[in-house]
N, C-alpha and C. Protein backbone atom coordinates (compact mmCIF):
# COMPACT_ATOMS: atom_id res chain seq x y z
N MET A 1 32.52 75.87 -31.24
CA MET A 1 32.57 76.34 -29.88
C MET A 1 31.41 77.27 -29.56
N TYR A 2 31.18 78.23 -30.43
CA TYR A 2 30.16 79.23 -30.14
C TYR A 2 28.75 78.73 -30.44
N ASN A 3 28.62 77.86 -31.41
CA ASN A 3 27.30 77.40 -31.85
C ASN A 3 27.00 75.99 -31.32
N GLN A 4 27.19 75.79 -30.04
CA GLN A 4 26.90 74.48 -29.47
C GLN A 4 25.39 74.29 -29.35
N LYS A 5 24.96 73.06 -29.56
CA LYS A 5 23.54 72.75 -29.41
C LYS A 5 23.21 72.62 -27.93
N ARG A 6 22.06 73.09 -27.58
CA ARG A 6 21.60 72.95 -26.20
C ARG A 6 20.94 71.58 -26.03
N LYS A 7 21.04 71.05 -24.84
CA LYS A 7 20.41 69.77 -24.57
C LYS A 7 18.90 69.96 -24.52
N LEU A 8 18.18 69.02 -25.12
CA LEU A 8 16.74 69.11 -25.18
C LEU A 8 16.05 68.46 -23.99
N THR A 9 16.81 67.75 -23.16
CA THR A 9 16.20 67.09 -22.00
C THR A 9 16.60 67.82 -20.73
N LYS A 10 15.69 67.84 -19.79
CA LYS A 10 15.97 68.44 -18.50
C LYS A 10 16.38 67.36 -17.52
N LYS A 11 17.26 67.70 -16.61
CA LYS A 11 17.60 66.77 -15.55
C LYS A 11 16.46 66.71 -14.56
N ILE A 12 16.24 65.52 -14.01
CA ILE A 12 15.17 65.34 -13.04
C ILE A 12 15.61 65.91 -11.70
N LYS A 13 14.79 66.78 -11.14
CA LYS A 13 15.06 67.31 -9.80
C LYS A 13 14.19 66.55 -8.82
N TYR A 14 14.84 65.84 -7.94
CA TYR A 14 14.13 65.01 -6.99
C TYR A 14 13.75 65.79 -5.73
N LYS A 15 12.52 65.59 -5.27
CA LYS A 15 12.11 66.08 -3.96
C LYS A 15 12.70 65.11 -2.94
N THR A 16 13.37 65.60 -1.91
CA THR A 16 14.07 64.75 -0.95
C THR A 16 13.22 64.54 0.30
N VAL A 17 13.11 63.26 0.70
CA VAL A 17 12.34 62.87 1.87
C VAL A 17 13.18 61.91 2.69
N ASP A 18 13.11 62.00 4.01
CA ASP A 18 13.84 61.08 4.89
C ASP A 18 12.94 59.91 5.27
N LEU A 19 13.51 58.71 5.25
CA LEU A 19 12.79 57.50 5.65
C LEU A 19 13.22 57.10 7.04
N SER A 20 12.27 56.87 7.92
CA SER A 20 12.61 56.50 9.29
C SER A 20 13.11 55.05 9.32
N SER A 21 13.89 54.74 10.33
CA SER A 21 14.48 53.40 10.42
C SER A 21 13.70 52.48 11.36
N ASP A 22 12.55 52.91 11.84
CA ASP A 22 11.79 52.07 12.76
C ASP A 22 10.89 51.11 11.97
N HIS A 23 9.96 50.48 12.65
CA HIS A 23 9.11 49.46 12.03
C HIS A 23 8.09 50.03 11.05
N ASN A 24 7.92 51.34 10.97
CA ASN A 24 6.96 51.96 10.07
C ASN A 24 7.55 52.31 8.70
N CYS A 25 8.77 51.90 8.42
CA CYS A 25 9.41 52.32 7.17
C CYS A 25 8.71 51.74 5.95
N ALA A 26 8.16 50.53 6.03
CA ALA A 26 7.45 49.94 4.90
C ALA A 26 6.16 50.71 4.59
N VAL A 27 5.49 51.17 5.63
CA VAL A 27 4.26 51.95 5.44
C VAL A 27 4.59 53.28 4.79
N GLU A 28 5.67 53.92 5.25
CA GLU A 28 6.07 55.21 4.66
C GLU A 28 6.51 55.04 3.21
N LEU A 29 7.23 53.95 2.92
CA LEU A 29 7.68 53.70 1.55
C LEU A 29 6.49 53.49 0.62
N ALA A 30 5.49 52.75 1.07
CA ALA A 30 4.28 52.55 0.27
C ALA A 30 3.53 53.88 0.07
N HIS A 31 3.52 54.72 1.10
CA HIS A 31 2.87 56.04 0.98
C HIS A 31 3.56 56.88 -0.09
N TRP A 32 4.89 56.91 -0.10
CA TRP A 32 5.60 57.73 -1.07
C TRP A 32 5.50 57.14 -2.48
N CYS A 33 5.40 55.82 -2.60
CA CYS A 33 5.19 55.22 -3.92
C CYS A 33 3.81 55.61 -4.47
N ASP A 34 2.80 55.59 -3.62
CA ASP A 34 1.47 56.06 -4.03
C ASP A 34 1.49 57.53 -4.41
N HIS A 35 2.26 58.32 -3.67
CA HIS A 35 2.36 59.76 -3.96
C HIS A 35 2.98 59.98 -5.34
N VAL A 36 4.01 59.22 -5.69
CA VAL A 36 4.64 59.34 -7.01
C VAL A 36 3.66 58.93 -8.09
N LYS A 37 2.91 57.87 -7.84
CA LYS A 37 1.93 57.40 -8.82
C LYS A 37 0.83 58.43 -9.06
N ASP A 38 0.39 59.10 -8.01
CA ASP A 38 -0.70 60.08 -8.14
C ASP A 38 -0.23 61.40 -8.74
N THR A 39 0.92 61.92 -8.27
CA THR A 39 1.36 63.25 -8.70
C THR A 39 2.29 63.21 -9.90
N LYS A 40 2.87 62.05 -10.23
CA LYS A 40 3.81 61.87 -11.34
C LYS A 40 5.06 62.72 -11.18
N GLN A 41 5.45 62.98 -9.92
CA GLN A 41 6.67 63.72 -9.62
C GLN A 41 7.68 62.78 -8.97
N SER A 42 8.94 62.97 -9.27
CA SER A 42 9.99 62.10 -8.76
C SER A 42 10.36 62.45 -7.33
N ILE A 43 10.76 61.43 -6.55
CA ILE A 43 11.12 61.61 -5.14
C ILE A 43 12.38 60.82 -4.84
N LYS A 44 13.25 61.42 -4.02
CA LYS A 44 14.42 60.72 -3.50
C LYS A 44 14.19 60.48 -2.02
N ILE A 45 14.23 59.21 -1.61
CA ILE A 45 13.99 58.84 -0.22
C ILE A 45 15.33 58.46 0.40
N LYS A 46 15.82 59.31 1.30
CA LYS A 46 17.10 59.05 1.96
C LYS A 46 16.90 58.15 3.17
N THR A 47 17.89 57.27 3.40
CA THR A 47 17.83 56.35 4.53
C THR A 47 18.90 56.71 5.55
N ASP A 48 18.72 56.23 6.77
CA ASP A 48 19.68 56.47 7.84
C ASP A 48 20.89 55.56 7.68
N ARG A 49 21.95 55.89 8.39
CA ARG A 49 23.16 55.06 8.38
C ARG A 49 22.92 53.71 9.05
N ASP A 50 22.08 53.70 10.09
CA ASP A 50 21.85 52.45 10.82
C ASP A 50 20.77 51.58 10.18
N TRP A 51 20.19 52.01 9.08
CA TRP A 51 19.16 51.23 8.39
C TRP A 51 19.81 50.03 7.72
N ASP A 52 19.24 48.85 7.85
CA ASP A 52 19.83 47.61 7.35
C ASP A 52 19.56 47.48 5.85
N THR A 53 20.48 47.96 5.03
CA THR A 53 20.28 47.96 3.59
C THR A 53 20.57 46.62 2.95
N GLU A 54 21.49 45.85 3.50
CA GLU A 54 21.87 44.59 2.87
C GLU A 54 20.71 43.60 2.81
N THR A 55 20.00 43.44 3.92
CA THR A 55 18.86 42.51 3.91
C THR A 55 17.71 43.06 3.08
N PHE A 56 17.52 44.39 3.10
CA PHE A 56 16.44 44.98 2.30
C PHE A 56 16.71 44.78 0.82
N LEU A 57 17.94 45.05 0.37
CA LEU A 57 18.26 44.93 -1.05
C LEU A 57 18.26 43.47 -1.51
N ALA A 58 18.65 42.56 -0.63
CA ALA A 58 18.72 41.16 -1.02
C ALA A 58 17.34 40.49 -1.06
N HIS A 59 16.47 40.81 -0.12
CA HIS A 59 15.21 40.08 0.01
C HIS A 59 13.99 40.90 -0.40
N ASP A 60 13.85 42.10 0.11
CA ASP A 60 12.61 42.85 -0.06
C ASP A 60 12.58 43.71 -1.33
N PHE A 61 13.72 44.27 -1.71
CA PHE A 61 13.74 45.22 -2.83
C PHE A 61 13.26 44.62 -4.15
N PRO A 62 13.66 43.39 -4.53
CA PRO A 62 13.13 42.84 -5.80
C PRO A 62 11.61 42.68 -5.80
N GLU A 63 11.04 42.31 -4.66
CA GLU A 63 9.58 42.18 -4.58
C GLU A 63 8.90 43.54 -4.71
N TRP A 64 9.42 44.54 -3.98
CA TRP A 64 8.86 45.90 -4.08
C TRP A 64 8.97 46.41 -5.51
N LYS A 65 10.10 46.15 -6.15
CA LYS A 65 10.32 46.65 -7.50
C LYS A 65 9.33 46.02 -8.49
N ASN A 66 9.09 44.71 -8.36
CA ASN A 66 8.14 44.04 -9.25
C ASN A 66 6.72 44.56 -9.04
N ILE A 67 6.33 44.75 -7.80
CA ILE A 67 4.99 45.22 -7.51
C ILE A 67 4.77 46.63 -8.06
N TRP A 68 5.72 47.53 -7.81
CA TRP A 68 5.51 48.93 -8.19
C TRP A 68 5.81 49.20 -9.65
N THR A 69 6.55 48.32 -10.34
CA THR A 69 6.75 48.49 -11.77
C THR A 69 5.43 48.25 -12.50
N LYS A 70 4.63 47.32 -12.01
CA LYS A 70 3.32 47.08 -12.60
C LYS A 70 2.39 48.27 -12.40
N LYS A 71 2.62 49.03 -11.33
CA LYS A 71 1.81 50.22 -11.05
C LYS A 71 2.44 51.50 -11.62
N LYS A 72 3.44 51.34 -12.48
CA LYS A 72 4.11 52.43 -13.20
C LYS A 72 4.93 53.35 -12.30
N VAL A 73 5.61 52.78 -11.31
CA VAL A 73 6.55 53.52 -10.48
C VAL A 73 7.88 52.77 -10.54
N GLN A 74 8.92 53.45 -11.00
CA GLN A 74 10.24 52.84 -11.11
C GLN A 74 11.03 53.13 -9.85
N MET A 75 11.65 52.07 -9.30
CA MET A 75 12.45 52.20 -8.09
C MET A 75 13.91 51.88 -8.42
N LYS A 76 14.81 52.74 -7.94
CA LYS A 76 16.25 52.51 -8.10
C LYS A 76 16.92 52.75 -6.76
N TRP A 77 17.99 52.01 -6.51
CA TRP A 77 18.79 52.21 -5.31
C TRP A 77 20.06 52.93 -5.70
N HIS A 78 20.34 54.07 -5.08
CA HIS A 78 21.57 54.83 -5.31
C HIS A 78 22.48 54.58 -4.12
N ARG A 79 23.57 53.84 -4.36
CA ARG A 79 24.44 53.41 -3.28
C ARG A 79 25.19 54.56 -2.63
N GLY A 80 25.70 55.49 -3.42
CA GLY A 80 26.49 56.59 -2.89
C GLY A 80 25.69 57.53 -2.00
N GLN A 81 24.45 57.78 -2.39
CA GLN A 81 23.60 58.69 -1.61
C GLN A 81 22.79 57.95 -0.56
N ARG A 82 22.85 56.62 -0.56
CA ARG A 82 22.04 55.78 0.34
C ARG A 82 20.58 56.19 0.25
N ALA A 83 20.06 56.17 -0.98
CA ALA A 83 18.70 56.66 -1.20
C ALA A 83 17.99 55.81 -2.25
N LEU A 84 16.67 55.75 -2.12
CA LEU A 84 15.82 55.16 -3.12
C LEU A 84 15.30 56.27 -4.04
N LEU A 85 15.37 56.05 -5.33
CA LEU A 85 14.89 57.04 -6.30
C LEU A 85 13.59 56.49 -6.91
N LEU A 86 12.53 57.23 -6.76
CA LEU A 86 11.23 56.83 -7.28
C LEU A 86 10.85 57.77 -8.42
N THR A 87 10.57 57.21 -9.58
CA THR A 87 10.13 58.01 -10.73
C THR A 87 8.90 57.37 -11.35
N TYR A 88 8.08 58.17 -12.01
CA TYR A 88 6.87 57.69 -12.66
C TYR A 88 7.23 57.21 -14.06
N ILE A 89 6.72 56.04 -14.45
CA ILE A 89 6.93 55.51 -15.80
C ILE A 89 5.79 55.95 -16.68
N ARG A 90 6.14 56.63 -17.75
CA ARG A 90 5.09 57.11 -18.68
C ARG A 90 4.85 56.11 -19.75
């Protein structure tokens, strides 16, 4: 009880950014992916309630994920927070 080992890994603290639901959302998403690639810092991109997630996840998300995995940026969709999590792959 008293001599517990401390965890050697830190939890990732995401910088939170809002993604607009208009026609510029793809441009903003590409901008934040480039930002993660350049700064190597993780970002959480929150989406609006009216943003169409079903069509994005079914059609566009696999393509975005393949493109940015090659550029060393990992993309994850968090359903509960309605957010995209972007992290740098080392």
